[in-house]
Protein backbone atom coordinates (compact mmCIF):
# COMPACT_ATOMS: atom_id res chain seq x y z
CA UNK A 1 82.28 122.95 95.34
CA UNK A 2 79.82 120.07 95.50
CA UNK A 3 82.25 117.73 93.71
CA UNK A 4 85.30 118.71 95.78
CA UNK A 5 85.01 115.81 98.28
CA UNK A 6 84.62 113.39 95.35
CA UNK A 7 87.81 114.73 93.76
CA UNK A 8 89.70 113.82 96.93
CA UNK A 9 88.03 110.40 96.84
CA UNK A 10 89.16 109.85 93.25
CA UNK A 11 92.67 111.00 94.19
CA UNK A 12 92.60 108.31 96.88
CA UNK A 13 91.60 105.70 94.27
CA UNK A 14 94.37 106.79 91.86
CA UNK A 15 96.91 106.68 94.70
CA UNK A 16 95.80 103.11 95.46
CA UNK A 17 96.32 102.12 91.83
CA UNK A 18 99.76 103.76 91.99
CA UNK A 19 100.69 101.60 94.98
CA UNK A 20 99.89 98.45 93.03
CA UNK A 21 101.97 99.46 90.01
CA UNK A 22 104.86 100.73 92.15
CA UNK A 23 105.04 97.52 94.20
CA UNK A 24 105.15 95.33 91.08
CA UNK A 25 107.78 97.58 89.49
CA UNK A 26 109.86 97.68 92.73
CA UNK A 27 109.59 101.48 92.86
CA UNK A 28 109.71 101.62 96.64
CA UNK A 29 109.78 105.38 97.15
CA UNK A 30 106.78 105.90 94.84
CA UNK A 31 104.85 103.16 96.63
CA UNK A 32 105.50 104.72 100.04
CA UNK A 33 104.46 108.20 98.90
CA UNK A 34 101.31 106.74 97.32
CA UNK A 35 100.47 104.96 100.58
CA UNK A 36 100.75 108.25 102.45
CA UNK A 37 98.64 109.98 99.76
CA UNK A 38 95.86 107.38 100.17
CA UNK A 39 95.60 108.08 103.89
CA UNK A 40 95.66 111.85 103.41
CA UNK A 41 93.05 111.89 100.64
CA UNK A 42 90.81 109.48 102.57
CA UNK A 43 90.94 111.86 105.54
CA UNK A 44 90.35 114.95 103.41
CA UNK A 45 87.29 113.74 101.51
CA UNK A 46 85.31 113.17 104.69
CA UNK A 47 86.59 116.31 106.38
CA UNK A 48 85.75 118.51 103.38
CA UNK A 49 82.31 116.93 102.98
CA UNK A 50 81.50 117.64 106.64
CA UNK A 51 82.92 121.17 106.47
CA UNK A 52 80.87 122.01 103.37
CA UNK A 53 77.86 120.03 104.63
CA UNK A 54 77.79 117.98 101.45
CA UNK A 55 76.09 114.64 102.07
CA UNK A 56 75.13 112.69 98.96
CA UNK A 57 74.61 108.91 98.46
CA UNK A 58 76.87 109.00 95.41
CA UNK A 59 79.75 110.29 97.50
CA UNK A 60 79.29 107.55 100.08
CA UNK A 61 79.28 104.83 97.42
CA UNK A 62 82.26 106.33 95.61
CA UNK A 63 84.21 106.54 98.86
CA UNK A 64 83.75 102.83 99.53
CA UNK A 65 84.66 101.90 95.95
CA UNK A 66 87.88 103.92 96.23
CA UNK A 67 88.65 102.35 99.61
CA UNK A 68 88.30 98.85 98.15
CA UNK A 69 91.22 99.69 95.88
CA UNK A 70 93.38 101.69 98.31
CA UNK A 71 92.68 99.79 101.53
CA UNK A 72 91.72 96.39 100.12
CA UNK A 73 93.42 95.51 96.85
CA UNK A 74 96.60 97.57 97.39
CA UNK A 75 97.44 96.08 100.83
CA UNK A 76 96.53 92.66 99.43
CA UNK A 77 99.14 93.17 96.72
CA UNK A 78 101.62 94.27 99.38
CA UNK A 79 100.90 91.08 101.32
CA UNK A 80 101.33 88.99 98.17
CA UNK A 81 104.65 90.72 97.43
CA UNK A 82 105.94 90.09 100.96
CA UNK A 83 104.84 86.46 101.08
CA UNK A 84 106.12 85.72 97.59
CA UNK A 85 109.53 87.08 98.58
CA UNK A 86 109.74 84.70 101.53
CA UNK A 87 109.11 81.50 99.53
CA UNK A 88 110.69 79.62 96.70
CA UNK A 89 107.40 78.81 94.95
CA UNK A 90 105.04 81.45 96.39
CA UNK A 91 102.37 78.86 97.21
CA UNK A 92 101.17 80.71 100.33
CA UNK A 93 101.21 84.14 98.72
CA UNK A 94 97.73 83.74 97.23
CA UNK A 95 96.24 83.78 100.73
CA UNK A 96 97.04 87.50 100.80
CA UNK A 97 93.98 88.04 98.60
CA UNK A 98 91.76 87.08 101.53
CA UNK A 99 92.50 90.64 102.67
CA UNK A 100 90.83 92.50 99.76
CA UNK A 101 87.91 90.04 99.80
CA UNK A 102 87.16 90.76 103.46
CA UNK A 103 87.78 94.49 102.99
CA UNK A 104 85.18 94.53 100.20
CA UNK A 105 82.64 92.79 102.45
CA UNK A 106 83.36 95.22 105.28
CA UNK A 107 82.99 98.29 103.07
CA UNK A 108 79.77 96.99 101.52
CA UNK A 109 78.38 96.29 104.98
CA UNK A 110 79.42 99.76 106.12
CA UNK A 111 77.28 101.27 103.33
CA UNK A 112 74.10 99.38 104.19
CA UNK A 113 74.22 99.27 107.98
CA UNK A 114 73.71 102.15 110.38
CA UNK A 115 76.91 103.21 112.05
CA UNK A 116 77.64 104.47 115.55
CA UNK A 117 79.19 107.80 116.47
CA UNK A 118 81.65 106.49 119.05
CA UNK A 119 82.88 103.24 117.53
CA UNK A 120 83.20 101.18 114.38
CA UNK A 121 81.78 97.68 114.09
CA UNK A 122 84.75 95.65 112.93
CA UNK A 123 88.27 96.85 112.24
CA UNK A 124 88.22 99.81 109.79
CA UNK A 125 89.83 98.88 106.49
CA UNK A 126 92.25 101.87 106.54
CA UNK A 127 93.60 100.68 109.90
CA UNK A 128 94.09 97.14 108.59
CA UNK A 129 95.78 98.58 105.50
CA UNK A 130 98.15 100.69 107.62
CA UNK A 131 99.39 97.46 109.25
CA UNK A 132 100.24 96.01 105.82
CA UNK A 133 101.77 99.30 104.66
CA UNK A 134 103.86 99.24 107.84
CA UNK A 135 105.22 95.82 106.91
CA UNK A 136 106.17 97.15 103.48
CA UNK A 137 107.91 100.14 105.07
CA UNK A 138 109.79 97.78 107.37
CA UNK A 139 110.75 95.49 104.51
CA UNK A 140 112.09 98.27 102.30
CA UNK A 141 113.44 100.90 104.70
CA UNK A 142 114.43 99.33 108.01
CA UNK A 143 117.98 98.42 109.05
CA UNK A 144 116.75 96.92 112.33
CA UNK A 145 117.53 93.21 112.05
CA UNK A 146 115.56 92.39 115.21
CA UNK A 147 112.45 94.16 113.89
CA UNK A 148 112.74 92.45 110.53
CA UNK A 149 113.13 89.06 112.18
CA UNK A 150 110.09 89.71 114.39
CA UNK A 151 107.69 90.97 111.72
CA UNK A 152 108.94 89.80 108.32
CA UNK A 153 108.52 86.05 108.49
CA UNK A 154 105.99 83.65 107.03
CA UNK A 155 103.97 82.86 110.19
CA UNK A 156 103.60 86.52 111.21
CA UNK A 157 102.60 87.82 107.77
CA UNK A 158 100.22 84.93 107.10
CA UNK A 159 98.77 85.09 110.60
CA UNK A 160 98.33 88.87 110.63
CA UNK A 161 96.76 88.87 107.16
CA UNK A 162 94.24 86.26 108.28
CA UNK A 163 93.49 87.91 111.63
CA UNK A 164 93.12 91.38 110.10
CA UNK A 165 90.84 90.01 107.39
CA UNK A 166 88.43 88.48 109.87
CA UNK A 167 88.60 91.45 112.26
CA UNK A 168 87.34 93.66 109.42
CA UNK A 169 84.14 91.61 109.10
CA UNK A 170 83.77 90.88 112.80
CA UNK A 171 81.33 92.54 115.18
CA UNK A 172 84.12 93.64 117.52
CA UNK A 173 83.73 97.37 118.29
CA UNK A 174 86.77 99.59 117.63
CA UNK A 175 86.74 103.08 119.09
CA UNK A 176 86.37 106.00 116.72
CA UNK A 177 89.29 108.45 116.59
CA UNK A 178 87.08 111.43 115.69
CA UNK A 179 86.89 113.87 118.60
CA UNK A 180 84.17 116.41 119.32
CA UNK A 181 86.23 118.16 122.03
CA UNK A 182 89.76 117.93 123.45
CA UNK A 183 88.87 117.28 127.09
CA UNK A 184 90.12 114.12 128.82
CA UNK A 185 86.66 113.02 129.93
CA UNK A 186 85.00 111.13 127.14
CA UNK A 187 88.27 110.86 125.18
CA UNK A 188 90.29 108.76 127.63
CA UNK A 189 91.01 105.88 125.25
CA UNK A 190 91.76 108.24 122.36
CA UNK A 191 94.34 110.24 124.34
CA UNK A 192 95.95 107.06 125.68
CA UNK A 193 96.19 105.78 122.12
CA UNK A 194 97.74 109.02 120.84
CA UNK A 195 100.31 109.15 123.67
CA UNK A 196 101.37 105.52 123.26
CA UNK A 197 101.47 105.88 119.45
CA UNK A 198 103.89 108.82 119.71
CA UNK A 199 106.04 106.76 122.08
CA UNK A 200 106.07 103.83 119.62
CA UNK A 201 107.08 106.17 116.78
CA UNK A 202 110.12 107.31 118.76
CA UNK A 203 111.09 103.83 119.93
CA UNK A 204 110.36 101.62 116.92
CA UNK A 205 110.66 103.99 113.94
CA UNK A 206 109.88 101.95 110.78
CA UNK A 207 108.28 99.20 112.86
CA UNK A 208 105.94 101.67 114.56
CA UNK A 209 103.12 101.72 111.98
CA UNK A 210 102.21 98.05 112.29
CA UNK A 211 102.73 98.19 116.07
CA UNK A 212 100.34 101.15 116.37
CA UNK A 213 97.56 99.14 114.70
CA UNK A 214 98.18 96.26 117.12
CA UNK A 215 97.91 98.82 119.93
CA UNK A 216 94.64 100.14 118.47
CA UNK A 217 93.13 96.65 118.37
CA UNK A 218 94.27 95.86 121.93
CA UNK A 219 92.91 99.14 123.32
CA UNK A 220 89.61 98.52 121.55
CA UNK A 221 89.42 95.11 123.25
CA UNK A 222 90.21 96.72 126.62
CA UNK A 223 87.59 99.43 126.08
CA UNK A 224 85.00 96.80 125.21
CA UNK A 225 85.92 94.76 128.31
CA UNK A 226 85.49 97.79 130.59
CA UNK A 227 82.18 98.57 128.93
CA UNK A 228 80.91 95.05 129.67
CA UNK A 229 81.88 95.09 133.36
CA UNK A 230 80.78 98.66 134.06
CA UNK A 231 77.40 98.88 135.91
């Protein structure tokens, strides 16, 4: 049982590798399932470790190494794919690899710095990756011309890749989605985020994933602003 969380971590890593291969081979359905698998396995490894009370330095290091692939390199490849498809010569596409570079720094910093229970310092790499995965979902599955025009253009993809990259290594606090109880008090921002996310899923469909991450960043900024002005 001691290795069970690490098996989920390795499954996350393999799913990240699958994304990369599937994107290059234009196997859209496989890429989308692998993206979902990465998120599920990343959630399960931590949940199982906490449930079994298994806390080992090797597991923490392995988790970050897997996340560099699944939530750093894989979304960087997605960004490269999207940017390359928008240009004749692909000259801007290489800037997509800023994403995995910053994700690696963030994950390394996460391993050596003490964390906080209620918030993350910097944008979590899975959240940044979900934004990029959302763009891929929109590019391959959406029939909404307005959504495609809004999100799938050179300035937006380049700008969002750059902003997300620097948010990951910033000191901006982002609220933690882990809840210790279901009461409103103490979870106000979390419940607001969940309610608005569900609304976005109904309204925007394929465009919802990337929009939910924008919402998460904005609510984190609002929460930080209230924290600064509160006595």
